[in-house]
Amino acid sequence: MNDDTTAEDIYAVIGTVVARLLKPDQYLTLHEITSALHSMGEAAGAAGMRESCERAVRLLAQQMH
């Protein structure tokens, strides 16, 4: 898998989680997003999806520090 594909997969899972969590007149914290990504990765049947979720969590964790 090349870096462009990896980045697209990571952004796709982040977008999916944010779309599921987003509600009108509310905001999301990075903690809520990373927690949802972790749960999504744990429930994923496909190894590629798990890996994308794990990488997304790591990317967001870097943004928090």
PDB file of N, CA and C in Angstrom:
ATOM      1  N   MET A   1       0.847  -1.170   0.000  1.00  0.00           N
ATOM      2  CA  MET A   1       0.000   0.000   0.000  1.00  0.00           C
ATOM      3  C   MET A   1       0.894   1.235   0.000  1.00  0.00           C
ATOM      4  N   ASN A   2       0.608   2.202  -0.877  1.00  0.00           N
ATOM      5  CA  ASN A   2       1.450   3.396  -0.915  1.00  0.00           C
ATOM      6  C   ASN A   2       0.942   4.446   0.063  1.00  0.00           C
ATOM      7  N   ASP A   3       1.743   5.484   0.261  1.00  0.00           N
ATOM      8  CA  ASP A   3       1.417   6.504   1.257  1.00  0.00           C
ATOM      9  C   ASP A   3       0.130   7.247   0.933  1.00  0.00           C
ATOM     10  N   ASP A   4      -0.142   7.503  -0.361  1.00  0.00           N
ATOM     11  CA  ASP A   4      -1.369   8.201  -0.739  1.00  0.00           C
ATOM     12  C   ASP A   4      -2.601   7.382  -0.392  1.00  0.00           C
ATOM     13  N   THR A   5      -2.547   6.090  -0.661  1.00  0.00           N
ATOM     14  CA  THR A   5      -3.665   5.210  -0.341  1.00  0.00           C
ATOM     15  C   THR A   5      -3.854   5.132   1.168  1.00  0.00           C
ATOM     16  N   THR A   6      -2.767   5.027   1.894  1.00  0.00           N
ATOM     17  CA  THR A   6      -2.834   4.965   3.348  1.00  0.00           C
ATOM     18  C   THR A   6      -3.484   6.227   3.898  1.00  0.00           C
ATOM     19  N   ALA A   7      -3.064   7.380   3.435  1.00  0.00           N
ATOM     20  CA  ALA A   7      -3.633   8.646   3.897  1.00  0.00           C
ATOM     21  C   ALA A   7      -5.120   8.721   3.573  1.00  0.00           C
ATOM     22  N   GLU A   8      -5.499   8.317   2.385  1.00  0.00           N
ATOM     23  CA  GLU A   8      -6.910   8.333   1.996  1.00  0.00           C
ATOM     24  C   GLU A   8      -7.729   7.424   2.898  1.00  0.00           C
ATOM     25  N   ASP A   9      -7.211   6.251   3.216  1.00  0.00           N
ATOM     26  CA  ASP A   9      -7.913   5.319   4.102  1.00  0.00           C
ATOM     27  C   ASP A   9      -8.068   5.906   5.499  1.00  0.00           C
ATOM     28  N   ILE A  10      -7.027   6.541   5.996  1.00  0.00           N
ATOM     29  CA  ILE A  10      -7.075   7.149   7.327  1.00  0.00           C
ATOM     30  C   ILE A  10      -8.110   8.267   7.354  1.00  0.00           C
ATOM     31  N   TYR A  11      -8.071   9.145   6.367  1.00  0.00           N
ATOM     32  CA  TYR A  11      -9.032  10.248   6.326  1.00  0.00           C
ATOM     33  C   TYR A  11     -10.455   9.740   6.135  1.00  0.00           C
ATOM     34  N   ALA A  12     -10.608   8.651   5.416  1.00  0.00           N
ATOM     35  CA  ALA A  12     -11.942   8.078   5.211  1.00  0.00           C
ATOM     36  C   ALA A  12     -12.535   7.561   6.519  1.00  0.00           C
ATOM     37  N   VAL A  13     -11.747   6.867   7.326  1.00  0.00           N
ATOM     38  CA  VAL A  13     -12.295   6.364   8.595  1.00  0.00           C
ATOM     39  C   VAL A  13     -12.556   7.508   9.564  1.00  0.00           C
ATOM     40  N   ILE A  14     -11.711   8.536   9.557  1.00  0.00           N
ATOM     41  CA  ILE A  14     -11.975   9.703  10.405  1.00  0.00           C
ATOM     42  C   ILE A  14     -13.285  10.364   9.968  1.00  0.00           C
ATOM     43  N   GLY A  15     -13.471  10.533   8.671  1.00  0.00           N
ATOM     44  CA  GLY A  15     -14.704  11.130   8.155  1.00  0.00           C
ATOM     45  C   GLY A  15     -15.933  10.320   8.517  1.00  0.00           C
ATOM     46  N   THR A  16     -15.831   9.006   8.439  1.00  0.00           N
ATOM     47  CA  THR A  16     -16.950   8.138   8.788  1.00  0.00           C
ATOM     48  C   THR A  16     -17.340   8.312  10.248  1.00  0.00           C
ATOM     49  N   VAL A  17     -16.344   8.304  11.117  1.00  0.00           N
ATOM     50  CA  VAL A  17     -16.613   8.440  12.555  1.00  0.00           C
ATOM     51  C   VAL A  17     -17.201   9.814  12.865  1.00  0.00           C
ATOM     52  N   VAL A  18     -16.631  10.858  12.304  1.00  0.00           N
ATOM     53  CA  VAL A  18     -17.133  12.205  12.571  1.00  0.00           C
ATOM     54  C   VAL A  18     -18.569  12.337  12.083  1.00  0.00           C
ATOM     55  N   ALA A  19     -18.862  11.811  10.909  1.00  0.00           N
ATOM     56  CA  ALA A  19     -20.224  11.886  10.378  1.00  0.00           C
ATOM     57  C   ALA A  19     -21.221  11.160  11.287  1.00  0.00           C
ATOM     58  N   ARG A  20     -20.805  10.055  11.879  1.00  0.00           N
ATOM     59  CA  ARG A  20     -21.694   9.310  12.778  1.00  0.00           C
ATOM     60  C   ARG A  20     -21.918  10.044  14.093  1.00  0.00           C
ATOM     61  N   LEU A  21     -20.900  10.741  14.580  1.00  0.00           N
ATOM     62  CA  LEU A  21     -20.978  11.404  15.877  1.00  0.00           C
ATOM     63  C   LEU A  21     -21.564  12.811  15.819  1.00  0.00           C
ATOM     64  N   LEU A  22     -21.443  13.462  14.670  1.00  0.00           N
ATOM     65  CA  LEU A  22     -21.804  14.865  14.548  1.00  0.00           C
ATOM     66  C   LEU A  22     -23.304  15.069  14.702  1.00  0.00           C
ATOM     67  N   LYS A  23     -23.652  15.987  15.582  1.00  0.00           N
ATOM     68  CA  LYS A  23     -25.046  16.330  15.810  1.00  0.00           C
ATOM     69  C   LYS A  23     -25.176  17.848  15.708  1.00  0.00           C
ATOM     70  N   PRO A  24     -26.332  18.329  15.280  1.00  0.00           N
ATOM     71  CA  PRO A  24     -26.504  19.787  15.160  1.00  0.00           C
ATOM     72  C   PRO A  24     -26.258  20.493  16.497  1.00  0.00           C
ATOM     73  N   ASP A  25     -25.626  21.636  16.426  1.00  0.00           N
ATOM     74  CA  ASP A  25     -25.369  22.491  17.585  1.00  0.00           C
ATOM     75  C   ASP A  25     -24.492  21.840  18.658  1.00  0.00           C
ATOM     76  N   GLN A  26     -23.692  20.876  18.297  1.00  0.00           N
ATOM     77  CA  GLN A  26     -22.751  20.268  19.226  1.00  0.00           C
ATOM     78  C   GLN A  26     -21.373  20.260  18.588  1.00  0.00           C
ATOM     79  N   TYR A  27     -20.366  20.102  19.416  1.00  0.00           N
ATOM     80  CA  TYR A  27     -19.010  19.976  18.903  1.00  0.00           C
ATOM     81  C   TYR A  27     -18.423  18.656  19.376  1.00  0.00           C
ATOM     82  N   LEU A  28     -17.416  18.198  18.677  1.00  0.00           N
ATOM     83  CA  LEU A  28     -16.743  16.951  19.009  1.00  0.00           C
ATOM     84  C   LEU A  28     -15.356  17.255  19.553  1.00  0.00           C
ATOM     85  N   THR A  29     -14.942  16.447  20.497  1.00  0.00           N
ATOM     86  CA  THR A  29     -13.570  16.562  20.981  1.00  0.00           C
ATOM     87  C   THR A  29     -12.728  15.501  20.278  1.00  0.00           C
ATOM     88  N   LEU A  30     -11.431  15.721  20.256  1.00  0.00           N
ATOM     89  CA  LEU A  30     -10.540  14.714  19.677  1.00  0.00           C
ATOM     90  C   LEU A  30     -10.640  13.409  20.453  1.00  0.00           C
ATOM     91  N   HIS A  31     -10.863  13.514  21.755  1.00  0.00           N
ATOM     92  CA  HIS A  31     -11.009  12.305  22.566  1.00  0.00           C
ATOM     93  C   HIS A  31     -12.217  11.481  22.108  1.00  0.00           C
ATOM     94  N   GLU A  32     -13.342  12.122  21.841  1.00  0.00           N
ATOM     95  CA  GLU A  32     -14.533  11.406  21.376  1.00  0.00           C
ATOM     96  C   GLU A  32     -14.276  10.730  20.031  1.00  0.00           C
ATOM     97  N   ILE A  33     -13.575  11.440  19.163  1.00  0.00           N
ATOM     98  CA  ILE A  33     -13.288  10.900  17.839  1.00  0.00           C
ATOM     99  C   ILE A  33     -12.337   9.713  17.944  1.00  0.00           C
ATOM    100  N   THR A  34     -11.268   9.853  18.731  1.00  0.00           N
ATOM    101  CA  THR A  34     -10.311   8.748  18.854  1.00  0.00           C
ATOM    102  C   THR A  34     -10.940   7.541  19.536  1.00  0.00           C
ATOM    103  N   SER A  35     -11.802   7.788  20.508  1.00  0.00           N
ATOM    104  CA  SER A  35     -12.494   6.686  21.183  1.00  0.00           C
ATOM    105  C   SER A  35     -13.395   5.931  20.199  1.00  0.00           C
ATOM    106  N   ALA A  36     -14.115   6.667  19.372  1.00  0.00           N
ATOM    107  CA  ALA A  36     -14.980   6.036  18.379  1.00  0.00           C
ATOM    108  C   ALA A  36     -14.160   5.284  17.332  1.00  0.00           C
ATOM    109  N   LEU A  37     -13.023   5.843  16.934  1.00  0.00           N
ATOM    110  CA  LEU A  37     -12.144   5.150  15.983  1.00  0.00           C
ATOM    111  C   LEU A  37     -11.615   3.857  16.578  1.00  0.00           C
ATOM    112  N   HIS A  38     -11.251   3.913  17.856  1.00  0.00           N
ATOM    113  CA  HIS A  38     -10.759   2.712  18.526  1.00  0.00           C
ATOM    114  C   HIS A  38     -11.848   1.635  18.543  1.00  0.00           C
ATOM    115  N   SER A  39     -13.056   2.020  18.889  1.00  0.00           N
ATOM    116  CA  SER A  39     -14.172   1.067  18.920  1.00  0.00           C
ATOM    117  C   SER A  39     -14.456   0.501  17.534  1.00  0.00           C
ATOM    118  N   MET A  40     -14.416   1.366  16.528  1.00  0.00           N
ATOM    119  CA  MET A  40     -14.652   0.926  15.155  1.00  0.00           C
ATOM    120  C   MET A  40     -13.580  -0.069  14.726  1.00  0.00           C
ATOM    121  N   GLY A  41     -12.338   0.185  15.082  1.00  0.00           N
ATOM    122  CA  GLY A  41     -11.242  -0.717  14.747  1.00  0.00           C
ATOM    123  C   GLY A  41     -11.381  -2.058  15.442  1.00  0.00           C
ATOM    124  N   GLU A  42     -11.805  -2.023  16.700  1.00  0.00           N
ATOM    125  CA  GLU A  42     -11.995  -3.263  17.454  1.00  0.00           C
ATOM    126  C   GLU A  42     -13.099  -4.126  16.846  1.00  0.00           C
ATOM    127  N   ALA A  43     -14.128  -3.483  16.315  1.00  0.00           N
ATOM    128  CA  ALA A  43     -15.272  -4.208  15.763  1.00  0.00           C
ATOM    129  C   ALA A  43     -15.075  -4.612  14.304  1.00  0.00           C
ATOM    130  N   ALA A  44     -14.069  -4.046  13.656  1.00  0.00           N
ATOM    131  CA  ALA A  44     -13.850  -4.298  12.225  1.00  0.00           C
ATOM    132  C   ALA A  44     -13.432  -5.741  11.982  1.00  0.00           C
ATOM    133  N   GLY A  45     -14.006  -6.325  10.953  1.00  0.00           N
ATOM    134  CA  GLY A  45     -13.637  -7.681  10.584  1.00  0.00           C
ATOM    135  C   GLY A  45     -12.415  -7.719   9.676  1.00  0.00           C
ATOM    136  N   ALA A  46     -12.252  -6.673   8.889  1.00  0.00           N
ATOM    137  CA  ALA A  46     -11.159  -6.630   7.925  1.00  0.00           C
ATOM    138  C   ALA A  46      -9.897  -6.044   8.561  1.00  0.00           C
ATOM    139  N   ALA A  47      -8.787  -6.688   8.312  1.00  0.00           N
ATOM    140  CA  ALA A  47      -7.510  -6.225   8.859  1.00  0.00           C
ATOM    141  C   ALA A  47      -7.161  -4.829   8.357  1.00  0.00           C
ATOM    142  N   GLY A  48      -7.488  -4.548   7.109  1.00  0.00           N
ATOM    143  CA  GLY A  48      -7.194  -3.226   6.546  1.00  0.00           C
ATOM    144  C   GLY A  48      -7.942  -2.121   7.265  1.00  0.00           C
ATOM    145  N   MET A  49      -9.185  -2.386   7.632  1.00  0.00           N
ATOM    146  CA  MET A  49      -9.982  -1.396   8.358  1.00  0.00           C
ATOM    147  C   MET A  49      -9.415  -1.191   9.761  1.00  0.00           C
ATOM    148  N   ARG A  50      -9.040  -2.277  10.417  1.00  0.00           N
ATOM    149  CA  ARG A  50      -8.439  -2.166  11.755  1.00  0.00           C
ATOM    150  C   ARG A  50      -7.173  -1.319  11.698  1.00  0.00           C
ATOM    151  N   GLU A  51      -6.344  -1.591  10.702  1.00  0.00           N
ATOM    152  CA  GLU A  51      -5.090  -0.852  10.558  1.00  0.00           C
ATOM    153  C   GLU A  51      -5.347   0.623  10.280  1.00  0.00           C
ATOM    154  N   SER A  52      -6.316   0.921   9.440  1.00  0.00           N
ATOM    155  CA  SER A  52      -6.645   2.320   9.145  1.00  0.00           C
ATOM    156  C   SER A  52      -7.130   3.041  10.399  1.00  0.00           C
ATOM    157  N   CYS A  53      -7.937   2.372  11.195  1.00  0.00           N
ATOM    158  CA  CYS A  53      -8.420   2.969  12.446  1.00  0.00           C
ATOM    159  C   CYS A  53      -7.267   3.205  13.416  1.00  0.00           C
ATOM    160  N   GLU A  54      -6.380   2.227  13.538  1.00  0.00           N
ATOM    161  CA  GLU A  54      -5.225   2.374  14.427  1.00  0.00           C
ATOM    162  C   GLU A  54      -4.341   3.532  13.987  1.00  0.00           C
ATOM    163  N   ARG A  55      -4.107   3.646  12.698  1.00  0.00           N
ATOM    164  CA  ARG A  55      -3.273   4.744  12.189  1.00  0.00           C
ATOM    165  C   ARG A  55      -3.956   6.087  12.399  1.00  0.00           C
ATOM    166  N   ALA A  56      -5.274   6.120  12.224  1.00  0.00           N
ATOM    167  CA  ALA A  56      -6.015   7.360  12.451  1.00  0.00           C
ATOM    168  C   ALA A  56      -5.929   7.775  13.911  1.00  0.00           C
ATOM    169  N   VAL A  57      -6.038   6.821  14.825  1.00  0.00           N
ATOM    170  CA  VAL A  57      -5.924   7.121  16.251  1.00  0.00           C
ATOM    171  C   VAL A  57      -4.540   7.687  16.549  1.00  0.00           C
ATOM    172  N   ARG A  58      -3.507   7.075  15.986  1.00  0.00           N
ATOM    173  CA  ARG A  58      -2.143   7.573  16.212  1.00  0.00           C
ATOM    174  C   ARG A  58      -1.964   8.991  15.649  1.00  0.00           C
ATOM    175  N   LEU A  59      -2.530   9.230  14.474  1.00  0.00           N
ATOM    176  CA  LEU A  59      -2.430  10.554  13.856  1.00  0.00           C
ATOM    177  C   LEU A  59      -3.095  11.605  14.740  1.00  0.00           C
ATOM    178  N   LEU A  60      -4.284  11.307  15.230  1.00  0.00           N
ATOM    179  CA  LEU A  60      -4.995  12.260  16.076  1.00  0.00           C
ATOM    180  C   LEU A  60      -4.305  12.421  17.431  1.00  0.00           C
ATOM    181  N   ALA A  61      -3.739  11.346  17.958  1.00  0.00           N
ATOM    182  CA  ALA A  61      -3.005  11.430  19.221  1.00  0.00           C
ATOM    183  C   ALA A  61      -1.820  12.375  19.086  1.00  0.00           C
ATOM    184  N   GLN A  62      -1.161  12.348  17.950  1.00  0.00           N
ATOM    185  CA  GLN A  62      -0.043  13.269  17.706  1.00  0.00           C
ATOM    186  C   GLN A  62      -0.538  14.717  17.696  1.00  0.00           C
ATOM    187  N   GLN A  63      -1.756  14.928  17.202  1.00  0.00           N
ATOM    188  CA  GLN A  63      -2.314  16.280  17.156  1.00  0.00           C
ATOM    189  C   GLN A  63      -2.639  16.813  18.551  1.00  0.00           C
ATOM    190  N   MET A  64      -2.912  15.897  19.490  1.00  0.00           N
ATOM    191  CA  MET A  64      -3.244  16.315  20.849  1.00  0.00           C
ATOM    192  C   MET A  64      -2.009  16.704  21.647  1.00  0.00           C
ATOM    193  N   HIS A  65      -0.846  16.263  21.222  1.00  0.00           N
ATOM    194  CA  HIS A  65       0.361  16.534  22.008  1.00  0.00           C
ATOM    195  C   HIS A  65       1.203  17.598  21.389  1.00  0.00           C
TER     196      HIS A  65
END
